[in-house]
Protein backbone atom coordinates (compact mmCIF):
# COMPACT_ATOMS: atom_id res chain seq x y z
CA MET A 1 42.54 91.43 29.35
CA THR A 2 45.33 90.55 26.70
CA ASN A 3 45.98 87.11 25.43
CA SER A 4 49.34 85.50 24.67
CA ARG A 5 47.71 82.62 22.89
CA ASN A 6 47.29 82.43 19.33
CA SER A 7 44.00 83.72 17.63
CA PRO A 8 41.52 81.04 17.44
CA ASP A 9 41.68 81.97 13.58
CA ASP A 10 45.14 80.62 13.73
CA ASP A 11 44.71 77.25 15.49
CA PRO A 12 43.80 74.12 13.10
CA ARG A 13 41.44 72.94 15.26
CA ASN A 14 39.10 75.81 14.36
CA SER A 15 38.35 75.08 11.06
CA PRO A 16 36.23 77.60 9.26
CA ASP A 17 34.44 74.90 7.38
CA GLU A 18 32.82 73.63 10.58
CA ASN A 19 29.61 74.73 12.15
CA PRO A 20 30.14 73.77 15.92
CA THR A 21 27.17 73.35 18.34
CA VAL A 22 27.20 75.39 21.79
CA HIS A 23 25.98 72.85 24.43
CA SER A 24 24.38 73.94 27.44
CA LEU A 25 23.87 71.30 29.85
CA ASP A 26 22.62 70.30 33.12
CA PRO A 27 25.53 68.68 34.98
CA ALA A 28 23.54 65.89 36.18
CA VAL A 29 23.28 64.80 32.54
CA LEU A 30 27.08 64.53 31.92
CA GLY A 31 28.52 60.79 31.49
CA THR A 32 24.96 59.51 31.45
CA ASP A 33 23.16 57.72 28.69
CA ASP A 34 21.40 61.01 27.95
CA ASP A 35 24.81 62.98 27.48
CA PRO A 36 24.99 64.58 24.29
CA LEU A 37 28.82 64.31 24.47
CA ALA A 38 28.95 60.84 25.55
CA LEU A 39 31.85 61.97 28.03
CA GLY A 40 31.61 58.47 29.78
CA SER A 41 32.78 56.57 26.80
CA ARG A 42 34.85 58.98 24.61
CA SER A 43 36.72 62.15 25.08
CA PRO A 44 36.15 64.96 22.55
CA VAL A 45 38.21 67.82 23.34
CA GLY A 46 37.30 71.70 23.38
CA THR A 47 36.46 74.59 25.55
CA TYR A 48 33.83 74.70 28.34
CA ALA A 49 32.47 77.18 31.19
CA LEU A 50 31.18 75.99 34.56
CA VAL A 51 28.42 78.28 35.73
CA PHE A 52 28.44 78.22 39.62
CA ASP A 53 25.98 79.35 41.87
CA ALA A 54 27.32 80.76 44.83
CA PRO A 55 26.22 82.44 48.39
CA ALA A 56 28.39 85.13 49.88
CA ALA A 57 31.46 83.10 51.17
CA THR A 58 34.87 83.24 52.01
CA ILE A 59 37.14 80.75 49.79
CA ASP A 60 40.31 79.59 50.22
CA VAL A 61 41.84 79.51 46.14
CA GLY A 62 45.01 77.61 46.90
CA ALA A 63 48.19 79.94 45.68
CA LEU A 64 45.86 82.74 44.99
CA GLY A 65 44.71 82.95 48.93
CA GLU A 66 41.80 83.63 50.77
CA HIS A 67 38.72 85.49 48.78
CA ARG A 68 35.40 86.75 49.84
CA VAL A 69 32.94 86.28 47.13
CA SER A 70 29.86 87.95 46.98
CA ALA A 71 26.54 86.03 46.13
CA GLY A 72 25.86 85.34 42.58
CA ALA A 73 26.89 83.24 39.45
CA TYR A 74 30.50 82.63 38.91
CA VAL A 75 31.81 81.39 35.27
CA TYR A 76 34.87 79.53 35.15
CA VAL A 77 36.26 79.28 31.47
CA GLY A 78 38.69 76.39 30.65
CA SER A 79 39.87 74.14 27.78
CA ALA A 80 40.50 70.57 27.58
CA PHE A 81 42.76 69.30 24.42
CA GLY A 82 44.75 66.49 26.36
CA THR A 83 44.22 62.92 26.00
CA GLY A 84 41.17 63.10 28.40
CA GLY A 85 39.59 66.05 26.42
CA LEU A 86 36.41 67.31 27.90
CA ARG A 87 36.14 64.14 30.34
CA ARG A 88 37.89 66.99 32.52
CA VAL A 89 34.34 68.16 33.26
CA LEU A 90 33.21 65.03 34.61
CA ARG A 91 35.93 65.73 37.35
CA HIS A 92 34.78 69.27 38.09
CA ARG A 93 31.33 67.86 38.57
CA ARG A 94 32.66 65.02 41.08
CA VAL A 95 34.31 67.84 42.78
CA ALA A 96 31.48 70.17 43.06
CA ALA A 97 29.38 67.07 44.65
CA GLY A 98 31.88 66.39 46.98
CA ASP A 99 32.81 63.26 45.52
CA HIS A 100 36.40 64.10 44.70
CA ASP A 101 38.64 66.01 47.31
CA ALA A 102 41.94 66.78 45.25
CA ARG A 103 42.53 70.40 44.39
CA HIS A 104 44.58 70.88 41.44
CA TRP A 105 43.43 73.76 39.71
CA HIS A 106 41.89 77.19 41.12
CA VAL A 107 38.38 76.29 39.94
CA ASP A 108 38.65 73.09 42.48
CA TYR A 109 38.50 75.54 45.24
CA LEU A 110 35.57 77.08 43.89
CA GLY A 111 33.54 74.29 42.88
CA GLY A 112 34.52 72.34 45.97
CA HIS A 113 33.37 74.51 48.62
CA PRO A 114 30.14 72.97 50.19
CA ALA A 115 28.08 75.84 49.65
CA VAL A 116 28.56 76.26 46.12
CA GLY A 117 26.85 74.29 43.26
CA LEU A 118 27.69 73.73 39.86
CA ALA A 119 24.31 74.94 37.98
CA ARG A 120 25.41 74.69 34.27
CA VAL A 121 28.09 73.50 31.72
CA VAL A 122 28.49 75.35 28.22
CA CYS A 123 30.73 73.98 25.90
CA VAL A 124 31.90 73.55 22.43
CA THR A 125 34.13 70.58 20.93
CA ASP A 126 37.01 71.20 18.68
CA ARG A 127 37.54 74.79 19.34
CA ASP A 128 40.14 76.59 21.36
CA VAL A 129 38.11 79.68 22.37
CA GLU A 130 39.09 79.78 26.01
CA CYS A 131 40.84 83.25 26.16
CA ALA A 132 38.44 84.66 23.68
CA VAL A 133 35.38 83.74 25.54
CA ALA A 134 36.95 84.73 29.21
CA THR A 135 37.83 88.10 27.73
CA GLU A 136 33.95 88.17 26.29
CA LEU A 137 32.55 87.45 29.67
CA ALA A 138 34.70 89.66 31.88
CA SER A 139 33.16 92.45 29.26
CA SER A 140 29.48 91.12 29.41
CA LEU A 141 29.24 90.21 32.98
CA GLY A 142 31.00 93.36 33.89
CA ALA A 143 33.49 91.75 36.23
CA THR A 144 36.45 89.77 36.93
CA ALA A 145 35.65 88.01 40.31
CA VAL A 146 39.04 87.06 41.21
CA ASP A 147 42.24 88.49 39.63
CA GLY A 148 44.86 85.47 38.09
CA PHE A 149 41.85 82.68 38.67
CA GLY A 150 42.33 80.18 35.97
CA SER A 151 44.73 82.12 33.89
CA SER A 152 48.01 81.15 35.02
CA ASP A 153 48.96 79.53 31.67
CA CYS A 154 48.40 82.82 29.65
CA SER A 155 48.36 86.66 30.02
CA CYS A 156 44.34 87.01 30.68
CA ASP A 157 43.61 89.01 33.88
CA ALA A 158 41.40 86.01 34.97
CA HIS A 159 39.09 83.25 33.62
CA LEU A 160 36.46 83.76 36.19
CA ALA A 161 33.76 86.24 36.05
CA ARG A 162 30.80 86.94 38.15
CA GLY A 163 27.32 87.70 37.08
CA ASP A 164 24.15 88.43 39.28
CA SER A 165 22.29 85.00 38.86
CA VAL A 166 22.54 81.77 37.00
CA GLU A 167 19.47 82.81 35.28
CA THR A 168 21.05 86.01 33.87
CA ALA A 169 24.67 84.76 33.39
CA THR A 170 23.78 81.61 31.46
CA PRO A 171 22.50 83.27 28.28
CA LEU A 172 25.59 85.60 28.16
CA VAL A 173 27.84 82.69 28.29
CA GLU A 174 26.00 80.64 25.60
CA ALA A 175 26.54 84.00 23.56
CA ALA A 176 29.85 84.60 24.14
CA PHE A 177 30.80 81.20 23.06
CA ARG A 178 28.45 81.66 19.80
CA SER A 179 30.34 84.92 19.10
CA LYS A 180 33.76 83.29 19.02
CA MET A 181 32.85 80.61 16.65
């Protein structure tokens, strides 16, 4: 995969003096009093990965068309540097729970499929490492799931990778984030 964005080292949000924490969270805790990011009350910015558990299914991915996915873990990598920051993850959780029907991004079609579950959210605040983590995951998980998925604003092949299971993919996602800090 190639990347047209600046290197993470060139981004002022990626100060070398900081030692950011990679958060690996149960989606159910997000927006609650137990949420370490306090997404319900503030909006830190950062990069996130959504780890989905999916059965074999056919999913309509909007402009990308219909795609057959095999059973396994699907990891979508995104970033949230706008005014809402990482609160965007709360929206993704609502889509996955069936509580929000609007489909704006490719990941909404995957997460909103009734048979797909959001199993884990991995993120880091104040770091723009979206393309670097997506590239690392495509390599470590060994597969890009759907070409062009989630990468319409960059030159990466995709921001969605597939692993065998949530249990094996999640540690690789956490390691990919740590390796890009």
